[in-house]
C-alpha atoms as a PDB file:
ATOM      1  CA  MET A   1     112.396  44.068 121.470  1.00  0.00           C
ATOM      2  CA  ASN A   2     111.337  43.823 125.084  1.00  0.00           C
ATOM      3  CA  LYS A   3     110.387  40.381 126.125  1.00  0.00           C
ATOM      4  CA  PHE A   4     110.062  38.801 129.582  1.00  0.00           C
ATOM      5  CA  SER A   5     108.494  35.871 131.293  1.00  0.00           C
ATOM      6  CA  SER A   6     107.856  34.844 134.845  1.00  0.00           C
ATOM      7  CA  VAL A   7     106.220  31.901 136.593  1.00  0.00           C
ATOM      8  CA  ALA A   8     104.300  31.526 139.870  1.00  0.00           C
ATOM      9  CA  LEU A   9     101.787  29.087 141.314  1.00  0.00           C
ATOM     10  CA  ALA A  10      98.352  30.592 140.609  1.00  0.00           C
ATOM     11  CA  SER A  11      95.695  30.512 143.275  1.00  0.00           C
ATOM     12  CA  VAL A  12      92.839  31.996 141.238  1.00  0.00           C
ATOM     13  CA  ALA A  13      91.286  31.248 137.827  1.00  0.00           C
ATOM     14  CA  PHE A  14      89.264  33.284 135.302  1.00  0.00           C
ATOM     15  CA  VAL A  15      85.614  33.459 136.342  1.00  0.00           C
ATOM     16  CA  GLY A  16      82.412  34.811 134.903  1.00  0.00           C
ATOM     17  CA  LEU A  17      83.315  34.024 131.277  1.00  0.00           C
ATOM     18  CA  ALA A  18      80.833  33.381 128.469  1.00  0.00           C
ATOM     19  CA  LEU A  19      81.668  31.227 125.490  1.00  0.00           C
ATOM     20  CA  SER A  20      81.080  32.895 122.125  1.00  0.00           C
ATOM     21  CA  ALA A  21      80.721  30.227 119.308  1.00  0.00           C
ATOM     22  CA  SER A  22      78.294  29.091 116.625  1.00  0.00           C
ATOM     23  CA  ALA A  23      75.894  26.349 117.583  1.00  0.00           C
ATOM     24  CA  ASP A  24      77.438  23.681 115.375  1.00  0.00           C
ATOM     25  CA  SER A  25      81.059  24.851 115.907  1.00  0.00           C
ATOM     26  CA  LEU A  26      81.570  25.338 112.217  1.00  0.00           C
ATOM     27  CA  ASP A  27      83.208  28.429 110.928  1.00  0.00           C
ATOM     28  CA  ARG A  28      81.364  30.798 108.648  1.00  0.00           C
ATOM     29  CA  ALA A  29      82.377  32.497 105.393  1.00  0.00           C
ATOM     30  CA  GLY A  30      83.272  36.149 106.023  1.00  0.00           C
ATOM     31  CA  SER A  31      84.440  39.456 104.639  1.00  0.00           C
ATOM     32  CA  LEU A  32      87.919  39.333 106.230  1.00  0.00           C
ATOM     33  CA  LEU A  33      90.312  36.361 106.586  1.00  0.00           C
ATOM     34  CA  LEU A  34      93.292  36.548 108.857  1.00  0.00           C
ATOM     35  CA  TYR A  35      96.106  33.946 108.166  1.00  0.00           C
ATOM     36  CA  PRO A  36      98.263  33.746 111.314  1.00  0.00           C
ATOM     37  CA  LEU A  37     101.367  32.512 109.517  1.00  0.00           C
ATOM     38  CA  PHE A  38     103.261  32.773 106.234  1.00  0.00           C
ATOM     39  CA  ASP A  39     106.751  31.364 106.305  1.00  0.00           C
ATOM     40  CA  ASN A  40     109.313  31.879 103.488  1.00  0.00           C
ATOM     41  CA  ASN A  41     112.225  30.795 105.741  1.00  0.00           C
ATOM     42  CA  ARG A  42     111.946  27.066 106.284  1.00  0.00           C
ATOM     43  CA  GLY A  43     112.079  25.683 102.811  1.00  0.00           C
ATOM     44  CA  GLY A  44     109.319  24.169 100.640  1.00  0.00           C
ATOM     45  CA  LEU A  45     106.249  26.098  99.743  1.00  0.00           C
ATOM     46  CA  TYR A  46     103.807  28.133 101.809  1.00  0.00           C
ATOM     47  CA  THR A  47     100.473  28.783 100.151  1.00  0.00           C
ATOM     48  CA  LEU A  48      97.404  30.952 100.914  1.00  0.00           C
ATOM     49  CA  THR A  49      94.035  30.211  99.377  1.00  0.00           C
ATOM     50  CA  VAL A  50      91.036  32.497  99.082  1.00  0.00           C
ATOM     51  CA  THR A  51      87.745  31.294  97.601  1.00  0.00           C
ATOM     52  CA  ASN A  52      84.723  33.353  96.551  1.00  0.00           C
ATOM     53  CA  THR A  53      81.701  31.164  97.425  1.00  0.00           C
ATOM     54  CA  ASN A  54      79.144  33.598  95.897  1.00  0.00           C
ATOM     55  CA  SER A  55      77.463  31.932  92.931  1.00  0.00           C
ATOM     56  CA  ASP A  56      75.534  34.950  91.588  1.00  0.00           C
ATOM     57  CA  THR A  57      76.441  35.205  87.886  1.00  0.00           C
ATOM     58  CA  THR A  58      73.614  37.788  87.180  1.00  0.00           C
ATOM     59  CA  PRO A  59      75.065  40.540  84.920  1.00  0.00           C
ATOM     60  CA  ALA A  60      75.750  43.749  86.821  1.00  0.00           C
ATOM     61  CA  GLY A  61      77.162  46.275  84.363  1.00  0.00           C
ATOM     62  CA  GLN A  62      80.372  44.791  82.948  1.00  0.00           C
ATOM     63  CA  LEU A  63      80.693  42.444  85.838  1.00  0.00           C
ATOM     64  CA  GLN A  64      78.743  39.585  87.420  1.00  0.00           C
ATOM     65  CA  ALA A  65      76.847  40.329  90.622  1.00  0.00           C
ATOM     66  CA  GLY A  66      78.954  37.960  92.665  1.00  0.00           C
ATOM     67  CA  THR A  67      82.323  39.341  91.651  1.00  0.00           C
ATOM     68  CA  VAL A  68      84.528  40.784  94.310  1.00  0.00           C
ATOM     69  CA  ASP A  69      88.055  42.219  94.637  1.00  0.00           C
ATOM     70  CA  VAL A  70      90.161  40.936  97.492  1.00  0.00           C
ATOM     71  CA  GLU A  71      93.217  42.733  98.962  1.00  0.00           C
ATOM     72  CA  PHE A  72      96.088  40.641 100.351  1.00  0.00           C
ATOM     73  CA  VAL A  73      97.889  42.461 103.179  1.00  0.00           C
ATOM     74  CA  TYR A  74     101.144  40.748 104.276  1.00  0.00           C
ATOM     75  CA  ILE A  75     102.393  41.951 107.586  1.00  0.00           C
ATOM     76  CA  ASN A  76     106.167  41.574 108.243  1.00  0.00           C
ATOM     77  CA  GLY A  77     106.519  39.809 111.591  1.00  0.00           C
ATOM     78  CA  ALA A  78     109.748  41.730 112.376  1.00  0.00           C
ATOM     79  CA  ASN A  79     108.329  45.225 112.201  1.00  0.00           C
ATOM     80  CA  CYS A  80     104.633  45.116 111.249  1.00  0.00           C
ATOM     81  CA  LEU A  81     105.255  46.845 107.878  1.00  0.00           C
ATOM     82  CA  GLU A  82     102.908  45.757 105.167  1.00  0.00           C
ATOM     83  CA  PHE A  83     102.887  44.657 101.562  1.00  0.00           C
ATOM     84  CA  ASN A  84      99.627  44.735  99.506  1.00  0.00           C
ATOM     85  CA  ARG A  85      98.169  43.083  96.429  1.00  0.00           C
ATOM     86  CA  THR A  86      94.615  43.237  95.080  1.00  0.00           C
ATOM     87  CA  ARG A  87      93.027  40.497  92.919  1.00  0.00           C
ATOM     88  CA  ARG A  88      89.594  39.986  91.399  1.00  0.00           C
ATOM     89  CA  LEU A  89      87.551  36.873  92.052  1.00  0.00           C
ATOM     90  CA  THR A  90      84.507  36.113  89.878  1.00  0.00           C
ATOM     91  CA  PRO A  91      81.628  33.955  91.268  1.00  0.00           C
ATOM     92  CA  ASN A  92      82.844  30.592  92.535  1.00  0.00           C
ATOM     93  CA  ASP A  93      86.447  31.591  91.846  1.00  0.00           C
ATOM     94  CA  THR A  94      89.422  30.566  93.956  1.00  0.00           C
ATOM     95  CA  ILE A  95      93.070  31.598  94.006  1.00  0.00           C
ATOM     96  CA  THR A  96      96.060  29.980  95.720  1.00  0.00           C
ATOM     97  CA  VAL A  97      99.270  31.910  95.978  1.00  0.00           C
ATOM     98  CA  THR A  98     102.763  30.776  96.951  1.00  0.00           C
ATOM     99  CA  THR A  99     103.917  33.388  99.422  1.00  0.00           C
ATOM    100  CA  LEU A 100     107.625  33.233  98.508  1.00  0.00           C
ATOM    101  CA  ILE A 101     106.638  34.227  94.910  1.00  0.00           C
ATOM    102  CA  ASP A 102     103.775  36.548  95.876  1.00  0.00           C
ATOM    103  CA  ASN A 103     105.747  38.356  98.556  1.00  0.00           C
ATOM    104  CA  PRO A 104     109.495  37.510  98.190  1.00  0.00           C
ATOM    105  CA  ASN A 105     110.757  40.491 100.283  1.00  0.00           C
ATOM    106  CA  GLN A 106     109.244  39.452 103.604  1.00  0.00           C
ATOM    107  CA  ALA A 107     110.626  36.337 105.427  1.00  0.00           C
ATOM    108  CA  THR A 108     107.773  35.502 107.768  1.00  0.00           C
ATOM    109  CA  GLY A 109     104.735  36.991 109.562  1.00  0.00           C
ATOM    110  CA  TYR A 110     100.983  36.969 109.002  1.00  0.00           C
ATOM    111  CA  ALA A 111      98.534  38.022 106.337  1.00  0.00           C
ATOM    112  CA  TYR A 112      94.889  39.117 106.043  1.00  0.00           C
ATOM    113  CA  VAL A 113      92.585  39.341 103.052  1.00  0.00           C
ATOM    114  CA  PHE A 114      89.454  41.525 102.904  1.00  0.00           C
ATOM    115  CA  ALA A 115      86.653  42.057 100.358  1.00  0.00           C
ATOM    116  CA  LYS A 116      86.642  45.234  98.322  1.00  0.00           C
ATOM    117  CA  SER A 117      84.186  46.657  95.835  1.00  0.00           C
ATOM    118  CA  PRO A 118      85.358  46.031  92.266  1.00  0.00           C
ATOM    119  CA  THR A 119      83.960  49.389  91.214  1.00  0.00           C
ATOM    120  CA  THR A 120      84.912  51.730  94.097  1.00  0.00           C
ATOM    121  CA  GLY A 121      87.873  49.932  95.568  1.00  0.00           C
ATOM    122  CA  LYS A 122      86.493  50.355  99.113  1.00  0.00           C
ATOM    123  CA  ALA A 123      86.270  47.613 101.759  1.00  0.00           C
ATOM    124  CA  ILE A 124      82.776  46.152 101.761  1.00  0.00           C
ATOM    125  CA  LYS A 125      80.528  43.595 103.444  1.00  0.00           C
ATOM    126  CA  PHE A 126      80.837  40.483 101.337  1.00  0.00           C
ATOM    127  CA  ASP A 127      80.420  37.510 103.701  1.00  0.00           C
ATOM    128  CA  TRP A 128      81.281  34.879 101.047  1.00  0.00           C
ATOM    129  CA  LEU A 129      85.045  34.504 101.511  1.00  0.00           C
ATOM    130  CA  THR A 130      86.649  31.199 102.727  1.00  0.00           C
ATOM    131  CA  GLY A 131      90.278  30.177 102.675  1.00  0.00           C
ATOM    132  CA  ASP A 132      93.057  27.978 103.833  1.00  0.00           C
ATOM    133  CA  SER A 133      96.854  27.939 104.192  1.00  0.00           C
ATOM    134  CA  PHE A 134      99.213  25.021 103.677  1.00  0.00           C
ATOM    135  CA  GLN A 135     103.018  24.496 103.954  1.00  0.00           C
ATOM    136  CA  VAL A 136     104.899  21.541 102.445  1.00  0.00           C
ATOM    137  CA  ALA A 137     108.633  21.038 102.766  1.00  0.00           C
ATOM    138  CA  PRO A 138     111.106  18.106 102.950  1.00  0.00           C
ATOM    139  CA  SER A 139     111.499  18.739 106.722  1.00  0.00           C
ATOM    140  CA  LEU A 140     107.767  18.712 107.422  1.00  0.00           C
ATOM    141  CA  LEU A 141     105.976  15.503 108.166  1.00  0.00           C
ATOM    142  CA  GLY A 142     102.752  15.794 106.270  1.00  0.00           C
ATOM    143  CA  GLY A 143     102.981  19.574 106.030  1.00  0.00           C
ATOM    144  CA  ILE A 144     101.155  22.102 108.110  1.00  0.00           C
ATOM    145  CA  ASP A 145      97.649  23.366 107.582  1.00  0.00           C
ATOM    146  CA  ILE A 146      96.316  26.424 109.460  1.00  0.00           C
ATOM    147  CA  PRO A 147      92.868  27.748 108.536  1.00  0.00           C
ATOM    148  CA  PRO A 148      92.359  31.472 108.523  1.00  0.00           C
ATOM    149  CA  ILE A 149      90.528  33.252 111.390  1.00  0.00           C
ATOM    150  CA  VAL A 150      87.334  34.471 109.728  1.00  0.00           C
ATOM    151  CA  PHE A 151      85.596  37.762 110.520  1.00  0.00           C
ATOM    152  CA  ARG A 152      82.182  38.575 109.115  1.00  0.00           C
ATOM    153  CA  ALA A 153      81.364  42.218 108.495  1.00  0.00           C
ATOM    154  CA  GLY A 154      79.293  44.164 111.102  1.00  0.00           C
ATOM    155  CA  SER A 155      75.780  42.757 111.481  1.00  0.00           C
ATOM    156  CA  GLY A 156      74.326  46.286 111.208  1.00  0.00           C
ATOM    157  CA  LEU A 157      75.781  46.718 107.743  1.00  0.00           C
ATOM    158  CA  ALA A 158      73.830  45.877 104.554  1.00  0.00           C
ATOM    159  CA  ALA A 159      75.341  43.450 102.006  1.00  0.00           C
ATOM    160  CA  GLY A 160      77.807  45.430  99.830  1.00  0.00           C
ATOM    161  CA  ALA A 161      77.992  48.344 102.248  1.00  0.00           C
ATOM    162  CA  ASP A 162      81.355  50.023 102.998  1.00  0.00           C
ATOM    163  CA  THR A 163      82.888  48.531 106.136  1.00  0.00           C
ATOM    164  CA  ASP A 164      85.279  51.413 106.818  1.00  0.00           C
ATOM    165  CA  VAL A 165      82.653  53.240 108.894  1.00  0.00           C
ATOM    166  CA  ASP A 166      85.078  55.804 110.375  1.00  0.00           C
ATOM    167  CA  ASN A 167      86.981  56.312 107.077  1.00  0.00           C
ATOM    168  CA  ASP A 168      90.407  55.796 108.655  1.00  0.00           C
ATOM    169  CA  GLY A 169      91.727  52.994 106.434  1.00  0.00           C
ATOM    170  CA  VAL A 170      91.981  50.612 109.369  1.00  0.00           C
ATOM    171  CA  ARG A 171      90.011  47.369 109.571  1.00  0.00           C
ATOM    172  CA  ASP A 172      88.312  47.674 112.945  1.00  0.00           C
ATOM    173  CA  LEU A 173      87.408  44.476 114.702  1.00  0.00           C
ATOM    174  CA  ASN A 174      84.891  46.277 116.865  1.00  0.00           C
ATOM    175  CA  GLY A 175      81.507  44.771 115.955  1.00  0.00           C
ATOM    176  CA  ASN A 176      80.652  47.733 113.659  1.00  0.00           C
ATOM    177  CA  GLU A 177      83.080  47.162 110.766  1.00  0.00           C
ATOM    178  CA  TYR A 178      83.888  43.528 111.443  1.00  0.00           C
ATOM    179  CA  GLU A 179      83.230  40.986 114.180  1.00  0.00           C
ATOM    180  CA  LYS A 180      84.877  41.421 117.574  1.00  0.00           C
ATOM    181  CA  VAL A 181      87.747  39.204 118.668  1.00  0.00           C
ATOM    182  CA  SER A 182      87.596  36.866 121.691  1.00  0.00           C
ATOM    183  CA  ASP A 183      88.480  38.423 125.045  1.00  0.00           C
ATOM    184  CA  LYS A 184      90.448  35.321 126.223  1.00  0.00           C
ATOM    185  CA  LEU A 185      91.907  32.410 124.418  1.00  0.00           C
ATOM    186  CA  LEU A 186      92.031  28.746 125.543  1.00  0.00           C
ATOM    187  CA  VAL A 187      94.547  26.127 124.264  1.00  0.00           C
ATOM    188  CA  PRO A 188      93.063  22.782 125.252  1.00  0.00           C
ATOM    189  CA  ARG A 189      96.298  20.856 125.046  1.00  0.00           C
ATOM    190  CA  PHE A 190      99.987  21.291 124.728  1.00  0.00           C
ATOM    191  CA  VAL A 191     102.707  18.621 124.792  1.00  0.00           C
ATOM    192  CA  ALA A 192     105.602  19.510 127.124  1.00  0.00           C
ATOM    193  CA  ASP A 193     108.914  20.683 125.800  1.00  0.00           C
ATOM    194  CA  ARG A 194     111.814  18.290 126.153  1.00  0.00           C
ATOM    195  CA  ASP A 195     115.224  18.556 124.537  1.00  0.00           C
ATOM    196  CA  ASP A 196     115.553  16.561 121.345  1.00  0.00           C
ATOM    197  CA  VAL A 197     112.011  15.159 121.789  1.00  0.00           C
ATOM    198  CA  SER A 198     109.370  17.826 121.678  1.00  0.00           C
ATOM    199  CA  GLU A 199     109.501  21.533 120.788  1.00  0.00           C
ATOM    200  CA  PRO A 200     106.031  23.089 120.935  1.00  0.00           C
ATOM    201  CA  GLU A 201     105.536  26.624 119.599  1.00  0.00           C
ATOM    202  CA  LEU A 202     103.048  29.447 119.877  1.00  0.00           C
ATOM    203  CA  ILE A 203     102.303  32.165 117.342  1.00  0.00           C
ATOM    204  CA  LEU A 204     101.130  35.445 118.921  1.00  0.00           C
ATOM    205  CA  ILE A 205      99.632  38.401 117.006  1.00  0.00           C
ATOM    206  CA  GLY A 206      99.122  41.830 118.604  1.00  0.00           C
ATOM    207  CA  LEU A 207      96.037  43.750 117.421  1.00  0.00           C
ATOM    208  CA  THR A 208      96.725  47.184 119.117  1.00  0.00           C
ATOM    209  CA  GLY A 209      99.041  48.646 116.619  1.00  0.00           C
ATOM    210  CA  GLN A 210     102.425  48.572 114.845  1.00  0.00           C
ATOM    211  CA  SER A 211     104.328  50.394 117.642  1.00  0.00           C
ATOM    212  CA  PHE A 212     102.890  48.487 120.599  1.00  0.00           C
ATOM    213  CA  THR A 213     104.367  45.772 122.837  1.00  0.00           C
ATOM    214  CA  THR A 214     101.721  43.451 124.131  1.00  0.00           C
ATOM    215  CA  ILE A 215     101.885  41.566 127.453  1.00  0.00           C
ATOM    216  CA  ILE A 216      99.921  38.396 127.798  1.00  0.00           C
ATOM    217  CA  ASN A 217      98.929  36.707 131.073  1.00  0.00           C
ATOM    218  CA  PHE A 218      98.937  32.899 131.067  1.00  0.00           C
ATOM    219  CA  LEU A 219      97.302  30.388 133.347  1.00  0.00           C
ATOM    220  CA  VAL A 220      98.942  27.032 132.708  1.00  0.00           C
ATOM    221  CA  TYR A 221      97.413  23.804 134.007  1.00  0.00           C
ATOM    222  CA  ASN A 222      99.179  20.414 134.414  1.00  0.00           C
ATOM    223  CA  ASP A 223      97.364  17.116 133.957  1.00  0.00           C
ATOM    224  CA  ASN A 224      96.157  17.165 137.533  1.00  0.00           C
ATOM    225  CA  GLU A 225      94.318  20.520 137.689  1.00  0.00           C
ATOM    226  CA  GLU A 226      97.283  22.311 139.284  1.00  0.00           C
ATOM    227  CA  VAL A 227      97.665  25.836 137.847  1.00  0.00           C
ATOM    228  CA  PHE A 228     100.667  28.201 137.470  1.00  0.00           C
ATOM    229  CA  SER A 229     100.767  31.779 136.145  1.00  0.00           C
ATOM    230  CA  THR A 230     103.255  33.465 133.830  1.00  0.00           C
ATOM    231  CA  GLN A 231     103.518  36.442 131.604  1.00  0.00           C
ATOM    232  CA  TYR A 232     105.079  37.162 128.237  1.00  0.00           C
ATOM    233  CA  ALA A 233     105.712  40.291 126.158  1.00  0.00           C
ATOM    234  CA  PHE A 234     106.048  40.462 122.341  1.00  0.00           C
ATOM    235  CA  ASP A 235     106.029  43.054 119.595  1.00  0.00           C
ATOM    236  CA  CYS A 236     103.633  42.892 116.632  1.00  0.00           C
ATOM    237  CA  TRP A 237     103.927  39.184 115.713  1.00  0.00           C
ATOM    238  CA  GLU A 238     105.981  36.333 117.074  1.00  0.00           C
ATOM    239  CA  ARG A 239     106.567  32.619 116.629  1.00  0.00           C
ATOM    240  CA  GLN A 240     108.157  31.415 119.838  1.00  0.00           C
ATOM    241  CA  ASP A 241     109.038  28.099 121.442  1.00  0.00           C
ATOM    242  CA  LEU A 242     106.887  27.514 124.490  1.00  0.00           C
ATOM    243  CA  HIS A 243     109.881  26.857 126.748  1.00  0.00           C
ATOM    244  CA  ASP A 244     111.236  30.348 125.856  1.00  0.00           C
ATOM    245  CA  ILE A 245     107.891  31.843 126.958  1.00  0.00           C
ATOM    246  CA  SER A 246     108.269  30.043 130.292  1.00  0.00           C
ATOM    247  CA  GLU A 247     109.778  26.994 132.000  1.00  0.00           C
ATOM    248  CA  VAL A 248     106.280  26.012 133.021  1.00  0.00           C
ATOM    249  CA  PHE A 249     105.781  24.432 129.592  1.00  0.00           C
ATOM    250  CA  SER A 250     108.856  22.151 130.005  1.00  0.00           C
ATOM    251  CA  ASP A 251     108.719  18.425 130.832  1.00  0.00           C
ATOM    252  CA  THR A 252     111.250  18.953 133.583  1.00  0.00           C
ATOM    253  CA  PHE A 253     109.034  21.467 135.381  1.00  0.00           C
ATOM    254  CA  LEU A 254     105.760  19.622 134.887  1.00  0.00           C
ATOM    255  CA  THR A 255     107.239  16.351 136.270  1.00  0.00           C
ATOM    256  CA  SER A 256     108.243  18.276 139.435  1.00  0.00           C
ATOM    257  CA  THR A 257     104.626  19.320 140.103  1.00  0.00           C
ATOM    258  CA  ASN A 258     101.816  17.363 141.662  1.00  0.00           C
ATOM    259  CA  HIS A 259     100.956  15.841 138.288  1.00  0.00           C
ATOM    260  CA  SER A 260      99.055  12.596 137.497  1.00  0.00           C
ATOM    261  CA  LEU A 261     101.637   9.831 137.297  1.00  0.00           C
ATOM    262  CA  GLY A 262      99.509   7.667 134.943  1.00  0.00           C
ATOM    263  CA  GLU A 263      98.735  10.409 132.389  1.00  0.00           C
ATOM    264  CA  ARG A 264     101.529  11.007 129.869  1.00  0.00           C
ATOM    265  CA  VAL A 265     101.611  11.352 126.027  1.00  0.00           C
ATOM    266  CA  ALA A 266     103.547   8.649 124.294  1.00  0.00           C
ATOM    267  CA  PHE A 267     104.871   8.817 120.712  1.00  0.00           C
ATOM    268  CA  PRO A 268     106.480   5.872 118.927  1.00  0.00           C
ATOM    269  CA  GLY A 269     110.237   5.812 119.511  1.00  0.00           C
ATOM    270  CA  VAL A 270     110.377   8.762 121.967  1.00  0.00           C
ATOM    271  CA  PRO A 271     109.999   8.921 125.758  1.00  0.00           C
ATOM    272  CA  ALA A 272     106.551   9.677 127.222  1.00  0.00           C
ATOM    273  CA  LEU A 273     105.906  13.390 127.848  1.00  0.00           C
ATOM    274  CA  GLU A 274     103.843  15.456 130.227  1.00  0.00           C
ATOM    275  CA  TYR A 275     101.052  17.656 128.895  1.00  0.00           C
ATOM    276  CA  GLY A 276      98.670  20.314 129.980  1.00  0.00           C
ATOM    277  CA  TRP A 277      96.477  23.205 128.783  1.00  0.00           C
ATOM    278  CA  PHE A 278      96.486  26.982 129.191  1.00  0.00           C
ATOM    279  CA  ARG A 279      94.451  30.165 129.163  1.00  0.00           C
ATOM    280  CA  MET A 280      95.664  33.523 127.709  1.00  0.00           C
ATOM    281  CA  ASP A 281      94.404  37.013 128.444  1.00  0.00           C
ATOM    282  CA  GLY A 282      95.812  40.354 127.329  1.00  0.00           C
ATOM    283  CA  ALA A 283      97.245  42.348 130.258  1.00  0.00           C
ATOM    284  CA  VAL A 284      98.345  45.586 128.666  1.00  0.00           C
ATOM    285  CA  ALA A 285      99.813  46.889 125.392  1.00  0.00           C
ATOM    286  CA  PHE A 286     102.096  49.950 125.426  1.00  0.00           C
ATOM    287  CA  SER A 287     104.006  52.201 123.092  1.00  0.00           C
ATOM    288  CA  THR A 288     106.303  55.150 123.770  1.00  0.00           C
ATOM    289  CA  ALA A 289     103.247  57.368 123.956  1.00  0.00           C
ATOM    290  CA  ALA A 290     100.252  55.329 125.182  1.00  0.00           C
ATOM    291  CA  SER A 291      98.993  52.148 126.740  1.00  0.00           C
ATOM    292  CA  VAL A 292      95.879  50.013 126.437  1.00  0.00           C
ATOM    293  CA  SER A 293      94.531  47.726 129.105  1.00  0.00           C
ATOM    294  CA  ASP A 294      93.216  44.227 128.149  1.00  0.00           C
ATOM    295  CA  PRO A 295      94.483  44.425 124.642  1.00  0.00           C
ATOM    296  CA  ALA A 296      93.147  42.291 121.768  1.00  0.00           C
ATOM    297  CA  PHE A 297      95.472  39.518 120.385  1.00  0.00           C
ATOM    298  CA  LEU A 298      95.317  36.225 118.473  1.00  0.00           C
ATOM    299  CA  ALA A 299      97.288  32.991 118.812  1.00  0.00           C
ATOM    300  CA  VAL A 300      97.983  29.623 117.220  1.00  0.00           C
ATOM    301  CA  ARG A 301      99.539  26.492 118.794  1.00  0.00           C
ATOM    302  CA  ILE A 302     102.059  24.374 116.873  1.00  0.00           C
ATOM    303  CA  ASP A 303     103.522  20.985 117.889  1.00  0.00           C
ATOM    304  CA  ARG A 304     107.001  19.995 116.779  1.00  0.00           C
ATOM    305  CA  ILE A 305     108.331  16.537 117.487  1.00  0.00           C
ATOM    306  CA  GLY A 306     112.149  16.521 117.938  1.00  0.00           C
ATOM    307  CA  GLU A 307     114.587  19.424 118.125  1.00  0.00           C
ATOM    308  CA  ASP A 308     113.594  21.657 115.150  1.00  0.00           C
ATOM    309  CA  GLY A 309     111.772  18.508 114.000  1.00  0.00           C
ATOM    310  CA  PRO A 310     108.792  18.098 111.600  1.00  0.00           C
ATOM    311  CA  VAL A 311     105.532  19.634 112.595  1.00  0.00           C
ATOM    312  CA  ALA A 312     103.040  17.205 114.165  1.00  0.00           C
ATOM    313  CA  GLY A 313     100.070  19.498 114.122  1.00  0.00           C
ATOM    314  CA  ALA A 314      98.698  23.009 114.564  1.00  0.00           C
ATOM    315  CA  SER A 315      95.367  24.400 115.769  1.00  0.00           C
ATOM    316  CA  LEU A 316      93.596  27.591 116.627  1.00  0.00           C
ATOM    317  CA  PRO A 317      92.581  28.117 120.241  1.00  0.00           C
ATOM    318  CA  TYR A 318      89.022  28.467 121.607  1.00  0.00           C
ATOM    319  CA  GLY A 319      87.703  31.870 122.455  1.00  0.00           C
ATOM    320  CA  LEU A 320      85.847  33.196 125.538  1.00  0.00           C
ATOM    321  CA  GLY A 321      83.898  36.419 125.625  1.00  0.00           C
ATOM    322  CA  GLU A 322      84.631  39.257 123.177  1.00  0.00           C
ATOM    323  CA  GLN A 323      86.292  42.656 123.013  1.00  0.00           C
ATOM    324  CA  ALA A 324      86.121  45.548 120.590  1.00  0.00           C
ATOM    325  CA  ASN A 325      89.659  47.021 120.602  1.00  0.00           C
ATOM    326  CA  GLY A 326      91.283  44.926 117.899  1.00  0.00           C
ATOM    327  CA  ASP A 327      92.552  46.681 114.694  1.00  0.00           C
ATOM    328  CA  LEU A 328      94.289  45.733 111.414  1.00  0.00           C
ATOM    329  CA  ILE A 329      96.478  47.594 111.556  1.00  0.00           C
ATOM    330  CA  GLN A 330      97.003  50.811 113.401  1.00  0.00           C
ATOM    331  CA  HIS A 331     100.249  52.731 112.664  1.00  0.00           C
ATOM    332  CA  GLY A 332     101.892  55.254 114.950  1.00  0.00           C
ATOM    333  CA  PRO A 333     102.252  55.323 118.759  1.00  0.00           C
ATOM    334  CA  PHE A 334      98.641  55.855 119.566  1.00  0.00           C
ATOM    335  CA  PRO A 335      95.864  53.231 119.627  1.00  0.00           C
ATOM    336  CA  ASP A 336      92.833  53.479 117.311  1.00  0.00           C
ATOM    337  CA  ALA A 337      90.028  55.420 119.095  1.00  0.00           C
ATOM    338  CA  ASN A 338      87.264  53.845 117.043  1.00  0.00           C
END
């Protein structure tokens, strides 16, 4: 795996960006749910929930009209190989699975679930799916809850229509099959890394293909509007400590900058810590045969208090703009052309 990071004082910022979000900031039910994390390594139980909110019990042949099949696709974070299961949800039905039991042969990674026709088995527009994920373990303070990233099917498709428009078996996040992904991601707050006190993490998901390494550009701000740049490369999926991405996320580095002396985060029983926020933008994704500029990716921020300590919280970033080159999941050394 080829990883690298670098840091430099940045003199420019992203400009000309448009925020893409719903008016009330609430998420919507969709046809595809992406769960950024499943973790069978750290003890306890990790669960994924999918709920069919369609209430139509009208008879439709041997089924009810609101019935749908959902395919669970687990992606191994180490190599992007997948494991699949399909389940049927009747109207208002819900299912919660424990990932260690449902998928015992993969240690950690991410998963996505998409709606399928119960009669044809094809992926369809069924914007009624909602979900959640939750991990409980003796070492976790209050557990960790990360909602899925929800994608509605393409707005040009009729309800129940096949979403695999190009018939390639890949879930295209291009606006035609499913909604586009955000072009840039914003994390509004991180708590600085400090030995034995704070160990923040970041989950990164590449959406170019199984064989691609993705390079992300970061602009990292301290608490006094001073900005620094860094880069990081990862393959497929990664859960990484922020200080291993770059020293700019460390308390030692941030206290050496022109930070605000009166603005620190204090936790009971631990020293006060520096904090900041950051922007992420895809630079390039490359394989042995091809490269893609401005690649699509997803991310999640996780706070950990203490060295390998209990999770204090996790959240999805905000999105700016949109782009149409995300895919779930392209195999081989070439990007999806559709």
